[in-house]
Structure formats: structure tokens, C-alpha cells
Protein backbone atom coordinates (compact mmCIF):
# COMPACT_ATOMS: atom_id res chain seq x y z
CA UNK A 1 171.99 235.53 -109.48
CA UNK A 2 170.95 237.89 -107.96
CA UNK A 3 167.59 237.66 -105.46
CA UNK A 4 165.99 239.60 -107.40
CA UNK A 5 166.43 238.14 -110.81
CA UNK A 6 162.59 236.61 -111.58
CA UNK A 7 162.65 236.69 -115.25
CA UNK A 8 164.27 234.62 -117.80
CA UNK A 9 164.85 235.72 -121.66
CA UNK A 10 164.61 233.97 -124.32
CA UNK A 11 165.97 235.66 -127.99
CA UNK A 12 163.49 233.48 -130.47
CA UNK A 13 165.51 234.62 -133.72
CA UNK A 14 163.37 233.09 -136.84
CA UNK A 15 162.94 232.48 -140.67
CA UNK A 16 160.27 235.33 -140.71
CA UNK A 17 161.02 237.10 -137.80
CA UNK A 18 162.48 238.55 -134.73
CA UNK A 19 160.75 237.42 -131.22
CA UNK A 20 161.94 238.35 -127.47
CA UNK A 21 160.14 236.27 -124.90
CA UNK A 22 159.64 236.92 -120.79
CA UNK A 23 159.45 234.30 -118.60
CA UNK A 24 158.67 233.84 -114.61
CA UNK A 25 160.06 231.27 -112.02
CA UNK A 26 157.08 229.28 -112.67
CA UNK A 27 157.42 228.92 -116.34
CA UNK A 28 154.95 231.63 -117.49
CA UNK A 29 154.95 233.97 -120.24
CA UNK A 30 155.10 237.80 -118.78
CA UNK A 31 155.32 239.23 -121.82
CA UNK A 32 156.63 239.08 -125.78
CA UNK A 33 157.40 241.76 -128.78
CA UNK A 34 157.76 239.86 -132.20
CA UNK A 35 158.85 241.86 -135.69
CA UNK A 36 159.13 240.60 -139.03
CA UNK A 37 161.94 240.86 -140.85
CA UNK A 38 162.75 240.67 -144.73
CA UNK A 39 164.01 238.04 -146.84
CA UNK A 40 165.33 239.22 -150.63
CA UNK A 41 165.69 236.45 -153.28
CA UNK A 42 167.89 237.65 -155.66
CA UNK A 43 168.36 234.56 -158.06
CA UNK A 44 165.70 231.58 -158.11
CA UNK A 45 165.58 229.48 -155.40
CA UNK A 46 168.22 231.85 -153.33
CA UNK A 47 167.30 233.73 -149.87
CA UNK A 48 168.83 236.09 -147.95
CA UNK A 49 168.54 238.33 -145.38
CA UNK A 50 170.69 241.86 -143.88
CA UNK A 51 172.13 240.29 -140.99
CA UNK A 52 172.38 243.87 -139.39
CA UNK A 53 168.46 243.62 -139.18
CA UNK A 54 168.90 240.36 -137.58
CA UNK A 55 170.29 241.87 -134.85
CA UNK A 56 168.86 245.21 -134.70
CA UNK A 57 165.48 243.76 -134.97
CA UNK A 58 165.99 241.55 -131.89
CA UNK A 59 167.78 244.10 -129.57
CA UNK A 60 164.59 246.19 -130.44
CA UNK A 61 162.31 243.41 -129.43
CA UNK A 62 164.42 242.61 -126.34
CA UNK A 63 163.43 246.14 -124.93
CA UNK A 64 160.22 246.06 -125.82
CA UNK A 65 159.40 242.73 -124.39
CA UNK A 66 161.03 244.04 -121.02
CA UNK A 67 158.87 247.64 -121.38
CA UNK A 68 155.64 245.64 -121.95
CA UNK A 69 156.42 243.42 -118.26
CA UNK A 70 157.47 246.28 -116.60
CA UNK A 71 161.37 245.21 -115.80
CA UNK A 72 164.19 246.59 -116.89
CA UNK A 73 167.75 243.81 -117.87
CA UNK A 74 168.58 244.20 -113.87
CA UNK A 75 165.95 241.90 -113.27
CA UNK A 76 166.93 239.33 -115.79
CA UNK A 77 168.85 236.36 -114.52
CA UNK A 78 169.44 235.04 -117.93
CA UNK A 79 169.17 235.51 -121.35
CA UNK A 80 168.66 231.60 -124.39
CA UNK A 81 169.17 232.34 -127.54
CA UNK A 82 167.46 230.24 -129.83
CA UNK A 83 167.25 230.79 -133.49
CA UNK A 84 167.08 229.79 -137.52
CA UNK A 85 169.36 226.70 -137.87
CA UNK A 86 172.29 226.84 -141.40
CA UNK A 87 172.04 229.94 -142.07
CA UNK A 88 175.28 231.12 -142.59
CA UNK A 89 176.77 234.43 -141.82
CA UNK A 90 180.62 235.37 -142.44
CA UNK A 91 181.68 238.81 -140.28
CA UNK A 92 185.01 241.23 -140.10
CA UNK A 93 186.37 240.30 -136.76
CA UNK A 94 187.45 243.53 -136.64
CA UNK A 95 184.53 245.81 -137.81
CA UNK A 96 181.59 243.67 -136.73
CA UNK A 97 180.45 244.11 -140.39
CA UNK A 98 179.33 241.07 -142.84
CA UNK A 99 180.66 240.44 -146.04
CA UNK A 100 177.48 239.56 -147.83
CA UNK A 101 174.34 239.08 -146.54
CA UNK A 102 173.20 235.99 -144.46
CA UNK A 103 172.53 233.28 -146.51
CA UNK A 104 169.47 231.20 -145.44
CA UNK A 105 169.04 227.70 -144.29
CA UNK A 106 166.35 227.76 -147.73
CA UNK A 107 168.84 228.81 -150.07
CA UNK A 108 170.05 226.11 -152.75
CA UNK A 109 173.00 228.13 -154.39
CA UNK A 110 174.69 225.46 -152.71
CA UNK A 111 173.98 222.83 -154.71
CA UNK A 112 176.83 222.77 -157.38
CA UNK A 113 179.13 222.54 -154.39
CA UNK A 114 177.50 219.18 -153.15
CA UNK A 115 176.56 217.67 -156.57
CA UNK A 116 180.34 218.14 -157.02
CA UNK A 117 180.63 216.27 -153.48
CA UNK A 118 178.10 213.48 -154.13
CA UNK A 119 180.25 213.13 -157.83
CA UNK A 120 183.62 212.07 -156.36
CA UNK A 121 182.63 209.60 -153.71
CA UNK A 122 181.83 211.50 -150.79
CA UNK A 123 178.05 211.26 -149.20
CA UNK A 124 179.32 208.01 -146.90
CA UNK A 125 181.66 210.30 -145.43
CA UNK A 126 179.87 212.94 -144.82
CA UNK A 127 176.75 210.87 -143.23
CA UNK A 128 178.85 208.69 -141.10
CA UNK A 129 180.85 212.18 -139.62
CA UNK A 130 178.12 214.21 -139.37
CA UNK A 131 174.92 212.05 -139.29
CA UNK A 132 173.46 214.41 -142.69
CA UNK A 133 172.69 213.95 -146.02
CA UNK A 134 175.05 215.77 -148.60
CA UNK A 135 172.63 219.02 -148.92
CA UNK A 136 173.13 222.94 -149.84
CA UNK A 137 170.36 222.81 -146.79
CA UNK A 138 173.50 223.14 -145.00
CA UNK A 139 175.78 225.50 -143.88
CA UNK A 140 179.00 224.51 -145.56
CA UNK A 141 178.16 224.28 -149.31
CA UNK A 142 176.55 228.29 -147.89
CA UNK A 143 180.06 229.30 -146.34
CA UNK A 144 182.26 227.63 -149.17
CA UNK A 145 179.85 230.00 -152.16
CA UNK A 146 181.08 233.04 -149.41
CA UNK A 147 184.63 232.29 -149.61
CA UNK A 148 184.72 231.97 -153.23
CA UNK A 149 182.31 234.45 -154.03
CA UNK A 150 183.05 237.42 -152.34
CA UNK A 151 185.78 239.50 -152.44
CA UNK A 152 188.96 239.26 -149.52
CA UNK A 153 186.22 236.85 -147.86
CA UNK A 154 188.80 233.60 -147.98
CA UNK A 155 191.62 236.20 -147.72
CA UNK A 156 190.28 237.02 -143.86
CA UNK A 157 188.98 233.84 -142.89
CA UNK A 158 192.65 232.19 -143.61
CA UNK A 159 194.29 235.07 -141.54
CA UNK A 160 191.99 235.02 -138.95
CA UNK A 161 190.11 238.25 -139.48
CA UNK A 162 186.74 237.26 -140.99
CA UNK A 163 184.02 234.54 -139.07
CA UNK A 164 181.72 232.53 -139.51
CA UNK A 165 178.52 231.93 -137.79
CA UNK A 166 174.92 230.35 -137.32
CA UNK A 167 172.71 232.78 -135.87
CA UNK A 168 173.01 232.27 -132.80
CA UNK A 169 176.94 232.48 -133.19
CA UNK A 170 175.68 236.19 -134.24
CA UNK A 171 174.01 237.22 -131.73
CA UNK A 172 176.47 236.13 -128.94
CA UNK A 173 178.98 238.36 -131.15
CA UNK A 174 177.01 241.65 -131.11
CA UNK A 175 175.63 241.08 -126.97
CA UNK A 176 179.23 240.55 -126.04
CA UNK A 177 180.93 243.75 -128.27
CA UNK A 178 182.95 240.98 -130.49
CA UNK A 179 184.38 239.37 -126.31
CA UNK A 180 182.40 235.71 -127.58
CA UNK A 181 182.97 233.57 -130.94
CA UNK A 182 180.53 230.88 -129.98
CA UNK A 183 178.10 228.51 -130.22
CA UNK A 184 176.58 225.31 -128.71
CA UNK A 185 176.63 221.39 -130.18
CA UNK A 186 172.54 221.78 -131.35
CA UNK A 187 173.79 224.51 -133.57
CA UNK A 188 177.01 222.91 -134.72
CA UNK A 189 175.91 219.80 -135.56
CA UNK A 190 173.57 221.54 -138.77
CA UNK A 191 176.72 223.06 -139.91
CA UNK A 192 177.96 220.01 -141.94
CA UNK A 193 181.25 220.13 -140.71
CA UNK A 194 180.92 218.95 -136.90
CA UNK A 195 181.58 215.07 -136.60
CA UNK A 196 178.48 214.59 -134.10
CA UNK A 197 180.90 211.25 -132.32
CA UNK A 198 183.52 213.48 -131.21
CA UNK A 199 182.09 216.54 -130.77
CA UNK A 200 185.24 218.65 -132.67
CA UNK A 201 185.16 220.39 -135.72
CA UNK A 202 186.59 217.86 -138.15
CA UNK A 203 189.58 218.23 -140.09
CA UNK A 204 188.64 216.50 -142.88
CA UNK A 205 185.34 218.44 -143.37
CA UNK A 206 186.83 221.54 -143.39
CA UNK A 207 189.59 219.86 -145.59
CA UNK A 208 186.60 218.67 -148.60
CA UNK A 209 184.63 221.96 -147.90
CA UNK A 210 188.03 224.10 -147.98
CA UNK A 211 187.20 226.27 -145.76
CA UNK A 212 189.91 228.00 -142.67
CA UNK A 213 189.26 226.81 -139.17
CA UNK A 214 190.63 230.18 -138.33
CA UNK A 215 186.84 231.62 -138.56
CA UNK A 216 185.02 228.73 -136.45
CA UNK A 217 183.48 229.22 -133.66
CA UNK A 218 184.46 228.04 -130.29
CA UNK A 219 181.90 224.96 -129.50
CA UNK A 220 179.89 224.56 -126.13
CA UNK A 221 177.08 223.08 -124.14
CA UNK A 222 173.51 224.13 -125.15
CA UNK A 223 173.48 224.95 -120.68
CA UNK A 224 176.96 227.04 -120.72
CA UNK A 225 178.12 230.22 -119.19
CA UNK A 226 178.70 231.59 -123.14
CA UNK A 227 179.51 235.50 -121.64
CA UNK A 228 177.86 238.38 -120.55
CA UNK A 229 175.94 240.90 -122.53
CA UNK A 230 177.96 244.15 -123.06
CA UNK A 231 176.27 245.67 -125.87
CA UNK A 232 173.13 248.44 -125.69
CA UNK A 233 171.61 245.92 -122.48
CA UNK A 234 171.81 248.23 -119.24
CA UNK A 235 173.03 245.19 -116.95
CA UNK A 236 175.42 242.41 -117.52
CA UNK A 237 173.15 239.73 -118.32
CA UNK A 238 174.36 236.52 -118.37
CA UNK A 239 173.69 234.35 -121.90
CA UNK A 240 173.15 231.32 -120.02
CA UNK A 241 171.37 228.86 -122.81
CA UNK A 242 171.70 228.01 -126.42
CA UNK A 243 169.64 226.19 -128.89
CA UNK A 244 169.18 225.82 -132.47
CA UNK A 245 165.22 226.46 -132.91
CA UNK A 246 163.62 222.97 -133.62
CA UNK A 247 165.71 221.20 -130.83
CA UNK A 248 164.64 223.57 -128.04
CA UNK A 249 161.19 223.14 -128.88
CA UNK A 250 162.51 218.96 -128.06
CA UNK A 251 163.57 220.60 -125.06
CA UNK A 252 160.19 222.09 -123.77
CA UNK A 253 158.01 219.55 -124.79
CA UNK A 254 160.10 217.53 -122.64
CA UNK A 255 161.06 214.75 -124.94
CA UNK A 256 163.64 213.37 -122.71
CA UNK A 257 162.75 210.18 -123.64
CA UNK A 258 163.80 207.71 -125.91
CA UNK A 259 160.99 207.36 -128.74
CA UNK A 260 159.50 211.20 -127.53
CA UNK A 261 158.57 212.69 -130.49
CA UNK A 262 157.46 216.60 -131.77
CA UNK A 263 156.79 218.64 -134.43
CA UNK A 264 157.11 222.46 -134.56
CA UNK A 265 154.82 224.08 -137.57
CA UNK A 266 156.47 226.72 -138.68
CA UNK A 267 158.02 228.21 -141.73
CA UNK A 268 158.88 225.01 -142.43
CA UNK A 269 157.97 221.80 -140.46
CA UNK A 270 160.71 220.05 -137.88
CA UNK A 271 159.59 216.44 -136.19
CA UNK A 272 162.74 215.26 -134.02
CA UNK A 273 162.21 211.79 -132.63
CA UNK A 274 164.95 211.15 -129.49
CA UNK A 275 167.23 207.89 -129.47
CA UNK A 276 168.67 208.38 -126.18
CA UNK A 277 172.81 209.01 -125.94
CA UNK A 278 174.01 207.58 -128.75
CA UNK A 279 174.04 208.69 -132.68
CA UNK A 280 171.80 206.08 -134.78
CA UNK A 281 172.06 206.47 -138.98
CA UNK A 282 169.05 206.35 -140.51
CA UNK A 283 168.25 203.92 -143.60
CA UNK A 284 164.99 206.07 -144.68
CA UNK A 285 166.26 209.54 -145.58
CA UNK A 286 166.35 211.13 -142.08
CA UNK A 287 169.18 212.90 -140.65
CA UNK A 288 170.68 212.55 -137.34
CA UNK A 289 171.68 215.22 -135.33
CA UNK A 290 172.09 216.59 -131.44
CA UNK A 291 169.06 216.90 -129.87
CA UNK A 292 170.76 218.82 -126.60
CA UNK A 293 173.84 218.77 -124.33
CA UNK A 294 174.27 219.59 -121.24
CA UNK A 295 177.38 219.71 -118.36
CA UNK A 296 175.02 219.21 -115.77
CA UNK A 297 172.79 216.49 -116.73
CA UNK A 298 168.69 215.48 -116.20
CA UNK A 299 169.51 216.30 -112.45
CA UNK A 300 171.12 219.16 -112.72
CA UNK A 301 174.39 218.17 -111.20
CA UNK A 302 177.93 219.10 -113.05
CA UNK A 303 180.28 216.22 -112.70
CA UNK A 304 182.40 215.82 -115.82
CA UNK A 305 182.47 212.95 -118.21
CA UNK A 306 185.35 213.20 -119.92
CA UNK A 307 184.08 210.37 -122.97
CA UNK A 308 182.22 214.15 -124.37
CA UNK A 309 185.14 216.20 -123.96
CA UNK A 310 184.93 218.39 -127.42
CA UNK A 311 187.40 221.03 -128.42
CA UNK A 312 188.69 224.31 -126.42
CA UNK A 313 188.31 222.26 -123.51
CA UNK A 314 184.64 222.28 -123.36
CA UNK A 315 183.42 219.28 -121.01
CA UNK A 316 179.39 217.78 -121.20
CA UNK A 317 177.94 215.56 -119.20
CA UNK A 318 174.79 214.15 -121.36
CA UNK A 319 174.58 214.45 -125.47
CA UNK A 320 171.29 213.71 -126.31
CA UNK A 321 170.80 212.65 -129.94
CA UNK A 322 167.79 212.96 -132.09
CA UNK A 323 166.68 212.00 -135.47
CA UNK A 324 165.02 214.86 -137.48
CA UNK A 325 162.93 215.12 -140.60
CA UNK A 326 162.66 218.64 -142.25
CA UNK A 327 159.41 219.57 -144.29
CA UNK A 328 160.70 222.82 -146.31
CA UNK A 329 157.55 224.27 -146.90
CA UNK A 330 154.63 224.32 -144.09
CA UNK A 331 153.62 228.27 -143.04
CA UNK A 332 155.38 229.40 -146.26
CA UNK A 333 153.14 227.50 -148.54
CA UNK A 334 149.99 229.27 -146.33
CA UNK A 335 152.32 232.56 -146.70
CA UNK A 336 152.34 231.86 -150.75
CA UNK A 337 148.58 232.11 -150.97
CA UNK A 338 148.48 235.45 -149.06
CA UNK A 339 151.81 236.66 -150.70
CA UNK A 340 152.09 234.95 -154.57
CA UNK A 341 149.04 233.28 -155.53
CA UNK A 342 146.91 236.37 -153.38
CA UNK A 343 143.63 233.93 -152.59
CA UNK A 344 143.88 235.60 -148.84
CA UNK A 345 144.43 238.55 -147.25
CA UNK A 346 145.39 236.84 -144.02
CA UNK A 347 146.68 233.29 -142.97
CA UNK A 348 144.28 232.97 -139.97
CA UNK A 349 141.27 232.67 -143.63
CA UNK A 350 142.74 229.25 -144.82
CA UNK A 351 141.03 227.32 -142.02
CA UNK A 352 138.09 228.65 -142.77
CA UNK A 353 138.09 227.84 -146.28
CA UNK A 354 139.11 223.99 -145.92
CA UNK A 355 136.20 223.59 -143.41
CA UNK A 356 134.37 224.80 -146.40
CA UNK A 357 134.49 221.47 -148.37
CA UNK A 358 133.52 218.50 -146.81
CA UNK A 359 136.96 216.73 -148.64
CA UNK A 360 139.72 217.73 -151.43
CA UNK A 361 137.89 216.79 -154.30
CA UNK A 362 141.25 215.28 -155.93
CA UNK A 363 143.25 218.32 -155.73
CA UNK A 364 146.40 218.17 -154.13
CA UNK A 365 149.49 220.16 -154.20
CA UNK A 366 153.06 219.38 -153.42
CA UNK A 367 154.69 222.53 -151.99
CA UNK A 368 158.36 221.89 -153.61
CA UNK A 369 159.47 225.86 -154.14
CA UNK A 370 162.71 224.40 -152.94
CA UNK A 371 162.65 220.60 -153.45
CA UNK A 372 162.16 218.12 -151.22
CA UNK A 373 163.27 217.53 -147.94
CA UNK A 374 163.25 214.44 -146.25
CA UNK A 375 162.76 211.99 -146.52
CA UNK A 376 163.12 212.26 -150.65
CA UNK A 377 165.99 214.42 -150.42
CA UNK A 378 165.64 215.61 -154.05
CA UNK A 379 166.51 219.33 -155.03
CA UNK A 380 164.93 219.60 -158.50
CA UNK A 381 161.70 218.26 -157.12
CA UNK A 382 159.11 221.14 -158.38
CA UNK A 383 155.79 222.10 -156.47
CA UNK A 384 152.75 220.45 -158.23
CA UNK A 385 149.46 221.34 -158.09
CA UNK A 386 147.63 218.42 -159.45
CA UNK A 387 143.40 217.26 -159.92
CA UNK A 388 142.06 220.75 -161.12
CA UNK A 389 138.90 220.50 -162.80
CA UNK A 390 136.77 223.48 -164.03
CA UNK A 391 135.22 223.62 -160.02
CA UNK A 392 138.17 223.48 -158.32
CA UNK A 393 137.92 227.21 -156.58
CA UNK A 394 140.67 228.99 -153.94
CA UNK A 395 139.05 226.76 -151.33
CA UNK A 396 140.53 223.56 -152.77
CA UNK A 397 144.13 225.06 -153.03
CA UNK A 398 143.52 226.57 -149.47
CA UNK A 399 142.75 223.05 -148.16
CA UNK A 400 145.09 221.33 -150.47
CA UNK A 401 148.28 223.71 -148.60
CA UNK A 402 147.22 222.50 -145.18
CA UNK A 403 146.81 218.96 -146.09
CA UNK A 404 150.23 218.95 -147.97
CA UNK A 405 151.96 219.49 -144.54
CA UNK A 406 149.86 216.97 -142.80
CA UNK A 407 151.17 214.12 -145.85
CA UNK A 408 154.34 215.87 -145.57
CA UNK A 409 154.71 215.41 -141.48
CA UNK A 410 153.21 211.90 -142.38
CA UNK A 411 155.49 211.16 -144.64
CA UNK A 412 158.86 211.67 -142.18
CA UNK A 413 156.98 209.45 -139.76
CA UNK A 414 156.30 206.47 -141.16
CA UNK A 415 160.23 206.87 -141.95
CA UNK A 416 161.12 207.61 -138.39
CA UNK A 417 159.62 204.68 -137.13
CA UNK A 418 160.89 201.86 -139.79
CA UNK A 419 164.39 202.95 -138.26
CA UNK A 420 162.66 202.74 -135.09
CA UNK A 421 161.00 199.81 -135.45
CA UNK A 422 158.64 200.38 -133.62
CA UNK A 423 155.20 202.59 -133.75
CA UNK A 424 155.00 206.53 -132.50
CA UNK A 425 151.72 206.44 -130.44
CA UNK A 426 151.77 210.15 -130.07
CA UNK A 427 153.07 213.66 -131.82
CA UNK A 428 153.62 216.43 -129.17
CA UNK A 429 152.73 219.60 -131.71
CA UNK A 430 153.41 223.08 -131.50
CA UNK A 431 154.01 226.32 -133.55
CA UNK A 432 151.93 228.66 -134.94
CA UNK A 433 150.39 226.73 -137.64
CA UNK A 434 149.75 223.89 -134.78
CA UNK A 435 146.67 226.81 -133.75
CA UNK A 436 144.82 225.63 -137.17
CA UNK A 437 142.42 222.46 -136.02
CA UNK A 438 141.73 221.29 -139.12
CA UNK A 439 145.16 221.17 -140.08
CA UNK A 440 145.54 219.38 -136.04
CA UNK A 441 142.66 216.72 -136.52
CA UNK A 442 143.86 215.89 -140.69
CA UNK A 443 147.36 215.35 -139.26
CA UNK A 444 145.80 212.91 -136.10
CA UNK A 445 144.09 211.02 -139.18
CA UNK A 446 146.86 210.19 -141.32
CA UNK A 447 149.18 209.55 -138.79
CA UNK A 448 147.00 206.96 -137.29
CA UNK A 449 148.22 208.54 -133.79
CA UNK A 450 147.16 211.17 -131.38
CA UNK A 451 148.80 214.59 -131.84
CA UNK A 452 148.93 216.46 -128.78
CA UNK A 453 149.22 220.29 -128.90
CA UNK A 454 151.21 221.81 -126.88
CA UNK A 455 149.28 224.77 -124.27
CA UNK A 456 151.95 226.83 -125.79
CA UNK A 457 152.66 226.99 -129.53
CA UNK A 458 155.90 228.92 -129.05
CA UNK A 459 157.35 226.42 -127.54
CA UNK A 460 160.90 227.41 -129.26
CA UNK A 461 161.03 230.71 -126.55
CA UNK A 462 160.16 228.39 -123.58
CA UNK A 463 163.04 225.78 -124.49
CA UNK A 464 165.49 227.88 -124.66
CA UNK A 465 164.15 229.92 -121.52
CA UNK A 466 164.21 226.85 -119.60
CA UNK A 467 167.91 225.58 -120.32
CA UNK A 468 168.86 228.90 -119.73
CA UNK A 469 167.36 229.15 -116.56
CA UNK A 470 169.04 225.52 -115.47
CA UNK A 471 172.15 227.19 -115.82
CA UNK A 472 171.94 230.27 -113.74
CA UNK A 473 169.98 228.30 -111.30
CA UNK A 474 166.40 229.60 -111.88
CA UNK A 475 165.59 226.07 -112.48
CA UNK A 476 166.96 223.66 -110.83
CA UNK A 477 167.45 220.51 -113.23
CA UNK A 478 165.15 219.16 -116.66
CA UNK A 479 162.45 217.81 -114.39
CA UNK A 480 162.00 220.25 -112.46
CA UNK A 481 161.30 222.93 -115.38
CA UNK A 482 159.50 220.39 -116.77
CA UNK A 483 157.25 219.61 -113.91
CA UNK A 484 156.66 223.19 -114.15
CA UNK A 485 155.70 223.71 -117.44
CA UNK A 486 154.19 220.39 -118.73
CA UNK A 487 150.77 221.74 -119.55
CA UNK A 488 149.00 220.38 -122.74
CA UNK A 489 146.66 221.68 -124.23
CA UNK A 490 143.81 219.81 -127.12
CA UNK A 491 144.14 215.82 -128.13
CA UNK A 492 143.19 215.39 -131.32
CA UNK A 493 142.22 211.05 -131.60
CA UNK A 494 142.08 209.93 -135.59
CA UNK A 495 138.53 209.73 -136.79
CA UNK A 496 138.45 208.99 -140.59
CA UNK A 497 137.51 205.61 -141.96
CA UNK A 498 140.70 203.88 -141.91
CA UNK A 499 140.46 203.09 -146.12
CA UNK A 500 139.73 206.74 -146.81
CA UNK A 501 143.06 207.72 -145.21
CA UNK A 502 144.58 205.37 -147.23
CA UNK A 503 142.92 206.37 -150.63
CA UNK A 504 144.20 209.77 -149.48
CA UNK A 505 147.65 208.50 -148.89
CA UNK A 506 148.11 206.83 -152.24
CA UNK A 507 146.38 209.84 -154.22
CA UNK A 508 149.13 211.45 -152.49
CA UNK A 509 151.96 209.53 -153.48
CA UNK A 510 150.96 209.59 -157.10
CA UNK A 511 151.33 213.82 -156.27
CA UNK A 512 154.89 213.43 -154.96
CA UNK A 513 156.02 211.44 -157.62
CA UNK A 514 154.55 213.89 -160.71
CA UNK A 515 156.71 216.53 -158.42
CA UNK A 516 159.99 214.66 -158.86
CA UNK A 517 159.31 213.79 -162.69
């Protein structure tokens, strides 16, 4: 690392926007830039994006963020990539052109494929190998759909001419002008094709989904050196860290000890609890996932550990697992109030509307726009708005939208507590919706636990910046990076009557039942 490289840059490519954030040696944000990207809904339940736009917007935000901080690529020690997970991109190795639009994680078109797999009795096999519930949420069924429905895709994949990647892989491919086709284990663990015990692409799963191995990316530790930038980035900058967005937030929240728990409130809401160095299978509908991997370990040392040797000779010293619960609709529910119902003009209005009421007056919204995730896992569930009367106002619907997020997170946390046999006393939170004080206080009330908000609410960028910085020696270790940035904002403590909370939960359960009829 050059002595003049005083910055780490995070590429934060999300479902609704591409962001780029510049951090200094104290893990402070120097500058950032963000641009919304479009989603397409060609059929009910289908969600797509333009992979070319994903790359061009991310590159554009990189240069904008550098310009705002008055630096160039020559000042950057490393680039970290964090991304929306499960979203599936397939492209031609020789031309670099996508063969189809990116199929977004929210897309349900793979449901028939998953239903057949379940009917044929493969659910336990998938769960044991991948830690995941068989569901169209993950990449495998999306990839299978492209291979079966896009002319020439399967033939190209079998010949090694067509490649697959999640968004991180796509961005790395573009940055290196096609020299690197790789992903990290956190993203790989969301494809439903990785054996999380052996850390290898699993031949039995590839055969089950009929996916050619030749199209899969190489596997690397999260803090590995993935390659050097080549394309339009002015200097050859190391791509030195990769984490799926939710794992990146877990990293940023310094959830390095077993039992540490975080929730990120974005388009969806994702709750992860650190379960240590061994995968734990849930009995309550949660996912087992890889939280992060390292070839250095927490102390920053790089000793090798043969037990964790994966494919392509990639060796990792530390593997940390997590249980995860995914709430499909959180911020997207508020966007629906704006773009669908048109009862608000700006998302910032929703908190004031909720606070204008003393209670919800029995109005509940179950935002099952794409089915229900953990712990229900019902792809057929439909959105429900209950308790309407002639006195119901837009304010009631706005409040119900916010409360629905807190209720869904509480359902996930309670499932985690049952699996772990212990109560979670503190939830560390981040993401755009965590700025909403009403939501955070209501979350503490229905959880009956403290909610601690990070001072940096956009933690996904921070986590991968920490990881990338460790890789190039910008930070000496996980503990060093954590000590620099562990700054908390507000803490929300339970304040509502326990009996009232119990009544609210009972009414919410009734609404959930109605959504699954």
C-alpha cells in the first residue's frame, strides 16, 4: 500500500440504488454519491433490472464520490464491494453483454422449479448442504430459468462461453475488464449451490438444478485480493474486500461474538445473529448462512488452516456463520404508499403521519407483496389490510406500514431466540428506515428489548470498507477497525405496557393468518 493512499472506497450496490462511499483512516465518511436505478415488473411477481445500468451507475457514483472528496483513484488504497444478494446475472464471456436482464432477489418466477424440487423430496438435502430453505428467493432457480428460457444460454454455458454471477461478480468482472470471475463465500452461500460445510460448489446441487459448473465464479475469502481495477478507474486499485450487503452490515456493527444481532432496514429488512464457527440449522424457518470469511482472522494474521480450504486453492483461517431471517417488504412498503397508493409524496412524511395517531385503532397491514419470508416462508401469501372502518384514514395506513416492519422483525427475533435457547437483549440497527424514531421505538416495544441505532445508519458500505481496509493493511485487524468506528447513536428502550404489547401481537398474528388463507 502506498503511503499516500489515505482512503478506502466502498461500492454499495443495492436493490434501489448504486452508492459509493469514501472513508478515511479513522473510518469516517469523507464523501458519498448515490443514484437510483430502475426496476422492471414484466409480469406479476417478476422483478428485473438492467445489468448494464447497474455497472454504469456504480462507476458513475465512484467518480462523483471521488470528485466530491477532491481525490483521485491514486489516493485509494482499496475498493470494497457490497451488493444486493441473490440477484442473478448471466453474460457472454467474450462480449461482456448480458444475455438477459438481471433477475432481482425479489423475483418469484423460480417458484415452479422450487415446487417440483420440494415435491420430489429434496428439501432436506438442500437444507443440510446449503442451510437455506428451498425458495425462489435464492439464485439457483433464477439461473435455471435463464438457462431454460433464453435462447442459446444453456449451450453457451455448457461450452464455457456464458458466465453466471451475483452482482459482486458482475462488478468485479467489469472493473477488471473480464480478467477476474470471482465471488466471496457470503454471496456464494446465497445461491443455493454452495455447500457451506465444505466451502465448495456442490456437484449434487448442480445436477439437481441442471447448472453447468463451467459458468460458476471462483470462490474467495471476503478479505482476499480479488484483483486490480483495469476499466476506466484511472489507476490500478486493489479490489480487496467483498461481502453481501447484510453480512457487510453485520461486520460494520462489530457483531463478532456469538449472539451479537443486527437488523438492517432497507428495501427489505434482514436480521442476522452470529452463531460462531459452526453452522446451526434452524427449527423455526430461519436460514443458515456464512457471515464472513477471512484468510487473516480477527487478529489480522494470515496463517492458513487446511480445514477450511475451498475451491481453486482458496484458504481461509476464519469462517463465521449466522442465522438469518429475511423480511421481504420494509422500505418497499413505504415506497408503495408513495408510488402505489399515492397517499404520501415523500417517504419522510410517513413518520409524522404515524405520530399523529395515539394508536393503530385495529388497522394492520401485512405487506406480503412477494409472499412472506422467515419464519413463515409462504410464497402464496398475499398482502392484507385489515381492521378498516369508515374512520380509517391515510394516517392509519401509514402507521400500519411502519408497524408491519417492526412486527415482522419481532417474529424473526423470537424464532432466533427459540433456536438459540436464549433471549436477545439488544438489537443493533442500521439502514435508511432506522432513522425513523417512531419505528425504532415501536420495535423496542414489541421486542421488549433495547434497540441500539448505529451513528452511521448506512452500515453496508462501512462493513465492506472495514473488510477491504483490513485486506490491504489500512486497518490492522477486525478489532482495530471496530475500535475506530464503534460509535452508537440513540438507544430505544421498551416503554409500552406489557399487556398492550401482548394484545398488539395477538392482533398481528390474526392478520398474518388472514394473509395466508
